[in-house]
C-alpha atoms as a PDB file:
ATOM      1  CA  MET A   1     111.735 209.294 269.383  1.00  0.00           C
ATOM      2  CA  ASN A   2     108.712 209.519 268.489  1.00  0.00           C
ATOM      3  CA  ILE A   3     107.938 213.262 267.384  1.00  0.00           C
ATOM      4  CA  PHE A   4     104.176 214.614 266.427  1.00  0.00           C
ATOM      5  CA  ARG A   5     103.403 217.282 263.948  1.00  0.00           C
ATOM      6  CA  VAL A   6     100.424 219.256 264.215  1.00  0.00           C
ATOM      7  CA  HIS A   7      99.167 221.199 262.703  1.00  0.00           C
ATOM      8  CA  PHE A   8      94.985 223.501 263.569  1.00  0.00           C
ATOM      9  CA  THR A   9      93.708 226.869 263.823  1.00  0.00           C
ATOM     10  CA  TRP A  10      94.377 229.294 266.025  1.00  0.00           C
ATOM     11  CA  LYS A  11      92.702 233.012 265.755  1.00  0.00           C
ATOM     12  CA  GLU A  12      91.751 232.445 262.630  1.00  0.00           C
ATOM     13  CA  LYS A  13      95.078 231.328 260.786  1.00  0.00           C
ATOM     14  CA  GLN A  14      97.338 227.756 260.578  1.00  0.00           C
ATOM     15  CA  TYR A  15      99.599 226.752 262.576  1.00  0.00           C
ATOM     16  CA  GLU A  16     101.605 223.761 262.326  1.00  0.00           C
ATOM     17  CA  LEU A  17     103.736 222.527 265.775  1.00  0.00           C
ATOM     18  CA  LYS A  18     106.577 219.337 266.939  1.00  0.00           C
ATOM     19  CA  ALA A  19     105.838 218.455 269.488  1.00  0.00           C
ATOM     20  CA  LEU A  20     107.479 215.096 271.774  1.00  0.00           C
ATOM     21  CA  SER A  21     104.264 213.931 273.373  1.00  0.00           C
ATOM     22  CA  LEU A  22     100.832 214.088 272.438  1.00  0.00           C
ATOM     23  CA  ASP A  23      97.917 212.931 274.865  1.00  0.00           C
ATOM     24  CA  MET A  24      94.141 212.020 273.279  1.00  0.00           C
ATOM     25  CA  THR A  25      92.989 211.016 276.742  1.00  0.00           C
ATOM     26  CA  HIS A  26      90.700 213.819 276.875  1.00  0.00           C
ATOM     27  CA  PRO A  27      87.106 214.226 275.113  1.00  0.00           C
ATOM     28  CA  TYR A  28      86.894 216.814 273.182  1.00  0.00           C
ATOM     29  CA  PHE A  29      91.163 218.540 273.347  1.00  0.00           C
ATOM     30  CA  VAL A  30      94.612 217.295 272.656  1.00  0.00           C
ATOM     31  CA  SER A  31      97.126 218.663 275.085  1.00  0.00           C
ATOM     32  CA  ILE A  32     100.299 219.238 274.093  1.00  0.00           C
ATOM     33  CA  LYS A  33     103.496 218.838 276.283  1.00  0.00           C
ATOM     34  CA  ASP A  34     107.397 219.033 275.016  1.00  0.00           C
ATOM     35  CA  LEU A  35     107.404 221.639 272.813  1.00  0.00           C
ATOM     36  CA  VAL A  36     109.759 221.876 269.739  1.00  0.00           C
ATOM     37  CA  LEU A  37     110.512 225.572 268.430  1.00  0.00           C
ATOM     38  CA  PRO A  38     112.205 226.422 265.468  1.00  0.00           C
ATOM     39  CA  GLU A  39     115.828 227.300 266.301  1.00  0.00           C
ATOM     40  CA  GLU A  40     116.956 231.308 265.477  1.00  0.00           C
ATOM     41  CA  ASN A  41     118.770 232.186 262.889  1.00  0.00           C
ATOM     42  CA  GLY A  42     121.169 235.293 263.380  1.00  0.00           C
ATOM     43  CA  VAL A  43     120.994 234.962 259.243  1.00  0.00           C
ATOM     44  CA  LEU A  44     117.827 234.534 258.473  1.00  0.00           C
ATOM     45  CA  ILE A  45     114.830 235.597 259.575  1.00  0.00           C
ATOM     46  CA  ASN A  46     111.962 233.751 258.961  1.00  0.00           C
ATOM     47  CA  PRO A  47     108.183 235.352 260.096  1.00  0.00           C
ATOM     48  CA  ALA A  48     106.208 231.754 260.710  1.00  0.00           C
ATOM     49  CA  ASP A  49     109.584 230.736 262.420  1.00  0.00           C
ATOM     50  CA  ASP A  50     109.737 233.618 264.243  1.00  0.00           C
ATOM     51  CA  GLU A  51     106.198 234.141 265.079  1.00  0.00           C
ATOM     52  CA  ILE A  52     105.656 230.205 266.622  1.00  0.00           C
ATOM     53  CA  ARG A  53     108.331 231.206 268.826  1.00  0.00           C
ATOM     54  CA  LYS A  54     106.765 234.540 270.391  1.00  0.00           C
ATOM     55  CA  ASN A  55     102.911 232.850 270.618  1.00  0.00           C
ATOM     56  CA  PHE A  56     104.478 229.314 271.815  1.00  0.00           C
ATOM     57  CA  GLY A  57     107.606 229.759 273.174  1.00  0.00           C
ATOM     58  CA  ASN A  58     107.628 229.655 276.853  1.00  0.00           C
ATOM     59  CA  VAL A  59     104.403 227.431 276.830  1.00  0.00           C
ATOM     60  CA  ARG A  60     104.283 224.196 279.611  1.00  0.00           C
ATOM     61  CA  GLN A  61     101.460 222.923 277.854  1.00  0.00           C
ATOM     62  CA  LEU A  62      99.150 223.814 275.067  1.00  0.00           C
ATOM     63  CA  MET A  63      95.463 222.377 275.082  1.00  0.00           C
ATOM     64  CA  LEU A  64      93.623 222.007 271.516  1.00  0.00           C
ATOM     65  CA  PRO A  65      90.419 221.426 271.024  1.00  0.00           C
ATOM     66  CA  PHE A  66      89.526 218.637 268.451  1.00  0.00           C
ATOM     67  CA  GLN A  67      87.850 220.881 265.755  1.00  0.00           C
ATOM     68  CA  SER A  68      90.575 222.992 265.519  1.00  0.00           C
ATOM     69  CA  VAL A  69      92.830 219.805 264.567  1.00  0.00           C
ATOM     70  CA  SER A  70      93.520 219.276 261.037  1.00  0.00           C
ATOM     71  CA  LEU A  71      96.328 216.674 261.171  1.00  0.00           C
ATOM     72  CA  ILE A  72      98.651 214.380 263.967  1.00  0.00           C
ATOM     73  CA  GLU A  73     101.150 213.135 262.256  1.00  0.00           C
ATOM     74  CA  GLU A  74     103.804 210.844 264.038  1.00  0.00           C
ATOM     75  CA  PHE A  75     107.762 210.354 262.630  1.00  0.00           C
ATOM     76  CA  THR A  76     110.672 208.000 264.282  1.00  0.00           C
ATOM     77  CA  VAL A  77     112.941 210.955 263.457  1.00  0.00           C
ATOM     78  CA  ASP A  78     112.089 214.721 263.617  1.00  0.00           C
ATOM     79  CA  PRO A  79     111.499 215.377 259.226  1.00  0.00           C
ATOM     80  CA  ASP A  80     112.871 218.054 258.673  1.00  0.00           C
ATOM     81  CA  ALA A  81     116.513 218.025 260.684  1.00  0.00           C
ATOM     82  CA  LYS A  82     118.743 218.673 259.690  1.00  0.00           C
ATOM     83  CA  PRO A  83     121.491 215.398 259.133  1.00  0.00           C
ATOM     84  CA  ASP A  84     124.208 216.698 261.309  1.00  0.00           C
ATOM     85  CA  LYS A  85     121.943 218.229 263.944  1.00  0.00           C
ATOM     86  CA  PRO A  86     121.059 215.647 266.816  1.00  0.00           C
ATOM     87  CA  ALA A  87     117.557 214.408 267.724  1.00  0.00           C
ATOM     88  CA  PRO A  88     116.465 217.255 270.651  1.00  0.00           C
ATOM     89  CA  LYS A  89     116.237 216.248 274.297  1.00  0.00           C
ATOM     90  CA  GLY A  90     113.523 215.343 275.452  1.00  0.00           C
ATOM     91  CA  GLY A  91     110.875 212.301 277.207  1.00  0.00           C
ATOM     92  CA  VAL A  92     111.155 209.404 274.935  1.00  0.00           C
ATOM     93  CA  VAL A  93     107.916 208.103 273.967  1.00  0.00           C
ATOM     94  CA  ARG A  94     106.916 204.311 273.231  1.00  0.00           C
ATOM     95  CA  THR A  95     103.946 202.234 273.271  1.00  0.00           C
ATOM     96  CA  ASP A  96     103.856 198.130 272.124  1.00  0.00           C
ATOM     97  CA  ARG A  97      99.666 198.445 271.755  1.00  0.00           C
ATOM     98  CA  PHE A  98     100.299 198.285 267.491  1.00  0.00           C
ATOM     99  CA  PRO A  99     103.090 196.100 267.344  1.00  0.00           C
ATOM    100  CA  LYS A 100     105.050 196.328 264.264  1.00  0.00           C
ATOM    101  CA  LYS A 101     102.974 192.631 261.842  1.00  0.00           C
ATOM    102  CA  SER A 102     106.599 190.967 260.109  1.00  0.00           C
END
């Protein structure tokens, strides 16, 4: 399952969101769906993670202008996941448009 990490600017602050679905077919926007939000830890509170959950926790789809996006990374597995935790649930995004060369 592919996972995307999108770096963007919103209200003059830098954010980093992870998502399972990304669509760049719109001429002016990057569409992000199926957000993977940071988990709440009952013991330690990370203010950055708390702000992301507060701002984007109820969002179904996020449309970001291309100018606000600075970097989009695609991974086959979540780079921040702990080895003992399963991958987040959601649709699988695969394409055979650019097959791997051996």
